[in-house]
Amino acid sequence: MVLSVDGDGNSVLRPYYEQMDQVGLDLQYTKEAWLLKLEAIGREASSDCYSAMVGGFEYTLYGIGGSSIDAGILAEGHFDSRGSNALTPLNKDLFVGTRLSWNDSADTALVAGGFVDLDNESIFARIEYERRIGSHHKIEL
């Protein structure tokens, strides 16, 4: 929103839509137990020009110990050219974690891992759990 003056001399807020050029890329390659992913964006506008990307892989181990549980090994790299001015804290970070899938009728899954900030070496842990409850509900923690 920008402040402007209407025909009667009153101050009013008007919407402002900055013109920009933007290009995005979303790639995924799957081969057997491997999943490779890349998401990237480049944006140019009068107020800001930047690029950002996240790329990584997942390798899945099927039927751990003869069970129906699959375990995925995850690794990702996050980069944003705006550095500490980025709108996300993941501007130069690595993620390493695992995904456990029970392959049951409730679609139970757990993802756990940690982000390492390459600028200040801080670590952020994350755990996600989800499971369907009946046919109409789902719990996500």
C-alpha atoms as a PDB file:
ATOM      1  CA  MET A   1       0.000   0.000   0.000  1.00  0.00           C
ATOM      2  CA  VAL A   2       1.154   3.528  -0.761  1.00  0.00           C
ATOM      3  CA  LEU A   3      -0.088   6.801   0.626  1.00  0.00           C
ATOM      4  CA  SER A   4      -1.532   9.136  -2.024  1.00  0.00           C
ATOM      5  CA  VAL A   5      -4.011  11.982  -2.368  1.00  0.00           C
ATOM      6  CA  ASP A   6      -7.429  11.547  -3.957  1.00  0.00           C
ATOM      7  CA  GLY A   7      -9.267  14.142  -6.137  1.00  0.00           C
ATOM      8  CA  ASP A   8     -10.658  15.924  -3.046  1.00  0.00           C
ATOM      9  CA  GLY A   9      -7.233  16.339  -1.439  1.00  0.00           C
ATOM     10  CA  ASN A  10      -7.765  13.548   1.108  1.00  0.00           C
ATOM     11  CA  SER A  11      -4.936  11.186   2.038  1.00  0.00           C
ATOM     12  CA  VAL A  12      -5.767   7.625   1.046  1.00  0.00           C
ATOM     13  CA  LEU A  13      -3.996   4.293   0.916  1.00  0.00           C
ATOM     14  CA  ARG A  14      -3.885   2.736  -2.553  1.00  0.00           C
ATOM     15  CA  PRO A  15      -2.667  -0.718  -3.515  1.00  0.00           C
ATOM     16  CA  TYR A  16       0.727  -0.857  -5.206  1.00  0.00           C
ATOM     17  CA  TYR A  17       1.805  -3.818  -7.315  1.00  0.00           C
ATOM     18  CA  GLU A  18       5.475  -3.690  -8.194  1.00  0.00           C
ATOM     19  CA  GLN A  19       6.388  -5.026 -11.626  1.00  0.00           C
ATOM     20  CA  MET A  20       8.930  -7.825 -11.580  1.00  0.00           C
ATOM     21  CA  ASP A  21      10.505 -10.527 -13.696  1.00  0.00           C
ATOM     22  CA  GLN A  22      10.686 -13.944 -12.097  1.00  0.00           C
ATOM     23  CA  VAL A  23      11.740 -17.402 -13.165  1.00  0.00           C
ATOM     24  CA  GLY A  24      11.403 -20.624 -11.220  1.00  0.00           C
ATOM     25  CA  LEU A  25      12.646 -24.170 -11.609  1.00  0.00           C
ATOM     26  CA  ASP A  26      11.328 -27.334  -9.967  1.00  0.00           C
ATOM     27  CA  LEU A  27      13.130 -30.581 -10.797  1.00  0.00           C
ATOM     28  CA  GLN A  28      12.780 -34.089  -9.432  1.00  0.00           C
ATOM     29  CA  TYR A  29      14.570 -37.251 -10.494  1.00  0.00           C
ATOM     30  CA  THR A  30      13.683 -40.682  -9.122  1.00  0.00           C
ATOM     31  CA  LYS A  31      15.723 -43.832  -9.707  1.00  0.00           C
ATOM     32  CA  GLU A  32      15.107 -46.916  -7.598  1.00  0.00           C
ATOM     33  CA  ALA A  33      15.639 -45.873  -3.936  1.00  0.00           C
ATOM     34  CA  TRP A  34      17.007 -42.412  -4.844  1.00  0.00           C
ATOM     35  CA  LEU A  35      15.010 -39.178  -5.051  1.00  0.00           C
ATOM     36  CA  LEU A  36      16.873 -36.029  -6.128  1.00  0.00           C
ATOM     37  CA  LYS A  37      15.151 -32.627  -5.898  1.00  0.00           C
ATOM     38  CA  LEU A  38      15.923 -29.022  -6.799  1.00  0.00           C
ATOM     39  CA  GLU A  39      13.739 -25.929  -6.406  1.00  0.00           C
ATOM     40  CA  ALA A  40      15.140 -22.554  -7.503  1.00  0.00           C
ATOM     41  CA  ILE A  41      13.893 -19.023  -8.088  1.00  0.00           C
ATOM     42  CA  GLY A  42      15.336 -15.847  -9.544  1.00  0.00           C
ATOM     43  CA  ARG A  43      13.541 -12.523  -9.146  1.00  0.00           C
ATOM     44  CA  GLU A  44      14.325  -9.053 -10.457  1.00  0.00           C
ATOM     45  CA  ALA A  45      12.355  -5.949  -9.451  1.00  0.00           C
ATOM     46  CA  SER A  46      13.171  -2.292  -8.867  1.00  0.00           C
ATOM     47  CA  SER A  47      13.196  -2.833  -5.090  1.00  0.00           C
ATOM     48  CA  ASP A  48      15.071  -6.145  -4.936  1.00  0.00           C
ATOM     49  CA  CYS A  49      16.930  -8.723  -7.014  1.00  0.00           C
ATOM     50  CA  TYR A  50      17.735 -12.149  -5.605  1.00  0.00           C
ATOM     51  CA  SER A  51      18.015 -15.853  -6.180  1.00  0.00           C
ATOM     52  CA  ALA A  52      17.206 -18.727  -3.843  1.00  0.00           C
ATOM     53  CA  MET A  53      17.325 -22.499  -4.006  1.00  0.00           C
ATOM     54  CA  VAL A  54      16.896 -25.697  -2.066  1.00  0.00           C
ATOM     55  CA  GLY A  55      18.285 -28.964  -3.334  1.00  0.00           C
ATOM     56  CA  GLY A  56      18.889 -32.369  -1.889  1.00  0.00           C
ATOM     57  CA  PHE A  57      18.228 -36.067  -1.904  1.00  0.00           C
ATOM     58  CA  GLU A  58      16.360 -38.851  -0.161  1.00  0.00           C
ATOM     59  CA  TYR A  59      17.542 -42.433  -0.157  1.00  0.00           C
ATOM     60  CA  THR A  60      14.963 -44.980   1.050  1.00  0.00           C
ATOM     61  CA  LEU A  61      15.700 -48.255   2.817  1.00  0.00           C
ATOM     62  CA  TYR A  62      12.663 -50.484   2.343  1.00  0.00           C
ATOM     63  CA  GLY A  63      11.269 -52.977   4.879  1.00  0.00           C
ATOM     64  CA  ILE A  64      13.624 -52.290   7.778  1.00  0.00           C
ATOM     65  CA  GLY A  65      14.345 -55.498   9.694  1.00  0.00           C
ATOM     66  CA  GLY A  66      11.745 -57.418   7.697  1.00  0.00           C
ATOM     67  CA  SER A  67       8.958 -55.044   8.810  1.00  0.00           C
ATOM     68  CA  SER A  68       6.699 -52.842   6.711  1.00  0.00           C
ATOM     69  CA  ILE A  69       8.560 -49.715   7.879  1.00  0.00           C
ATOM     70  CA  ASP A  70      10.624 -47.761   5.342  1.00  0.00           C
ATOM     71  CA  ALA A  71      13.382 -45.358   6.413  1.00  0.00           C
ATOM     72  CA  GLY A  72      14.491 -42.492   4.236  1.00  0.00           C
ATOM     73  CA  ILE A  73      17.816 -40.710   4.694  1.00  0.00           C
ATOM     74  CA  LEU A  74      17.394 -37.004   3.889  1.00  0.00           C
ATOM     75  CA  ALA A  75      19.874 -34.224   3.084  1.00  0.00           C
ATOM     76  CA  GLU A  76      19.159 -30.720   1.751  1.00  0.00           C
ATOM     77  CA  GLY A  77      21.010 -27.485   1.187  1.00  0.00           C
ATOM     78  CA  HIS A  78      19.228 -24.100   1.417  1.00  0.00           C
ATOM     79  CA  PHE A  79      20.594 -20.859  -0.065  1.00  0.00           C
ATOM     80  CA  ASP A  80      19.203 -17.338  -0.462  1.00  0.00           C
ATOM     81  CA  SER A  81      21.361 -14.594  -2.006  1.00  0.00           C
ATOM     82  CA  ARG A  82      19.816 -11.994   0.348  1.00  0.00           C
ATOM     83  CA  GLY A  83      21.649 -13.575   3.281  1.00  0.00           C
ATOM     84  CA  SER A  84      20.441 -12.265   6.645  1.00  0.00           C
ATOM     85  CA  ASN A  85      17.931  -9.990   4.829  1.00  0.00           C
ATOM     86  CA  ALA A  86      16.020 -13.015   3.495  1.00  0.00           C
ATOM     87  CA  LEU A  87      12.418 -13.501   4.575  1.00  0.00           C
ATOM     88  CA  THR A  88      13.300 -17.017   5.742  1.00  0.00           C
ATOM     89  CA  PRO A  89      15.883 -18.073   8.316  1.00  0.00           C
ATOM     90  CA  LEU A  90      17.036 -20.812   5.917  1.00  0.00           C
ATOM     91  CA  ASN A  91      19.374 -18.643   3.842  1.00  0.00           C
ATOM     92  CA  LYS A  92      22.580 -20.689   4.090  1.00  0.00           C
ATOM     93  CA  ASP A  93      21.741 -23.921   5.858  1.00  0.00           C
ATOM     94  CA  LEU A  94      22.041 -27.694   5.655  1.00  0.00           C
ATOM     95  CA  PHE A  95      19.371 -30.183   6.745  1.00  0.00           C
ATOM     96  CA  VAL A  96      20.063 -33.817   7.600  1.00  0.00           C
ATOM     97  CA  GLY A  97      17.352 -36.157   8.830  1.00  0.00           C
ATOM     98  CA  THR A  98      15.261 -39.253   8.378  1.00  0.00           C
ATOM     99  CA  ARG A  99      11.726 -40.117   7.313  1.00  0.00           C
ATOM    100  CA  LEU A 100      10.035 -43.195   8.783  1.00  0.00           C
ATOM    101  CA  SER A 101       6.941 -44.480   6.980  1.00  0.00           C
ATOM    102  CA  TRP A 102       4.962 -47.278   8.631  1.00  0.00           C
ATOM    103  CA  ASN A 103       3.077 -48.088   5.400  1.00  0.00           C
ATOM    104  CA  ASP A 104      -0.067 -48.783   7.403  1.00  0.00           C
ATOM    105  CA  SER A 105      -3.703 -47.985   6.648  1.00  0.00           C
ATOM    106  CA  ALA A 106      -3.424 -44.797   8.770  1.00  0.00           C
ATOM    107  CA  ASP A 107      -0.489 -43.543   6.655  1.00  0.00           C
ATOM    108  CA  THR A 108       1.662 -43.005   9.779  1.00  0.00           C
ATOM    109  CA  ALA A 109       4.901 -41.102   9.169  1.00  0.00           C
ATOM    110  CA  LEU A 110       7.616 -39.365  11.184  1.00  0.00           C
ATOM    111  CA  VAL A 111      10.241 -36.918   9.879  1.00  0.00           C
ATOM    112  CA  ALA A 112      13.048 -35.848  12.207  1.00  0.00           C
ATOM    113  CA  GLY A 113      16.258 -33.988  11.627  1.00  0.00           C
ATOM    114  CA  GLY A 114      18.278 -30.874  12.155  1.00  0.00           C
ATOM    115  CA  PHE A 115      19.206 -27.695  10.304  1.00  0.00           C
ATOM    116  CA  VAL A 116      22.734 -26.338  10.644  1.00  0.00           C
ATOM    117  CA  ASP A 117      23.222 -22.624   9.914  1.00  0.00           C
ATOM    118  CA  LEU A 118      26.503 -22.350   8.004  1.00  0.00           C
ATOM    119  CA  ASP A 119      26.997 -18.703   9.033  1.00  0.00           C
ATOM    120  CA  ASN A 120      26.779 -19.038  12.808  1.00  0.00           C
ATOM    121  CA  GLU A 121      26.812 -22.853  13.283  1.00  0.00           C
ATOM    122  CA  SER A 122      23.533 -22.810  15.215  1.00  0.00           C
ATOM    123  CA  ILE A 123      21.407 -25.962  15.111  1.00  0.00           C
ATOM    124  CA  PHE A 124      17.626 -26.182  14.869  1.00  0.00           C
ATOM    125  CA  ALA A 125      15.930 -29.564  15.401  1.00  0.00           C
ATOM    126  CA  ARG A 126      12.582 -30.432  13.840  1.00  0.00           C
ATOM    127  CA  ILE A 127      10.208 -33.353  14.330  1.00  0.00           C
ATOM    128  CA  GLU A 128       6.971 -33.892  12.371  1.00  0.00           C
ATOM    129  CA  TYR A 129       4.469 -36.692  13.005  1.00  0.00           C
ATOM    130  CA  GLU A 130       1.284 -37.420  11.068  1.00  0.00           C
ATOM    131  CA  ARG A 131      -1.385 -40.108  11.088  1.00  0.00           C
ATOM    132  CA  ARG A 132      -4.899 -40.390   9.701  1.00  0.00           C
ATOM    133  CA  ILE A 133      -7.711 -40.927  12.196  1.00  0.00           C
ATOM    134  CA  GLY A 134     -10.570 -42.595  10.394  1.00  0.00           C
ATOM    135  CA  SER A 135     -11.405 -41.518   6.869  1.00  0.00           C
ATOM    136  CA  HIS A 136     -12.080 -37.825   7.558  1.00  0.00           C
ATOM    137  CA  HIS A 137      -9.441 -36.655  10.044  1.00  0.00           C
ATOM    138  CA  LYS A 138      -5.694 -36.438  10.333  1.00  0.00           C
ATOM    139  CA  ILE A 139      -3.417 -35.547  13.216  1.00  0.00           C
ATOM    140  CA  GLU A 140      -0.227 -33.587  12.520  1.00  0.00           C
ATOM    141  CA  LEU A 141       2.229 -32.664  15.242  1.00  0.00           C
END
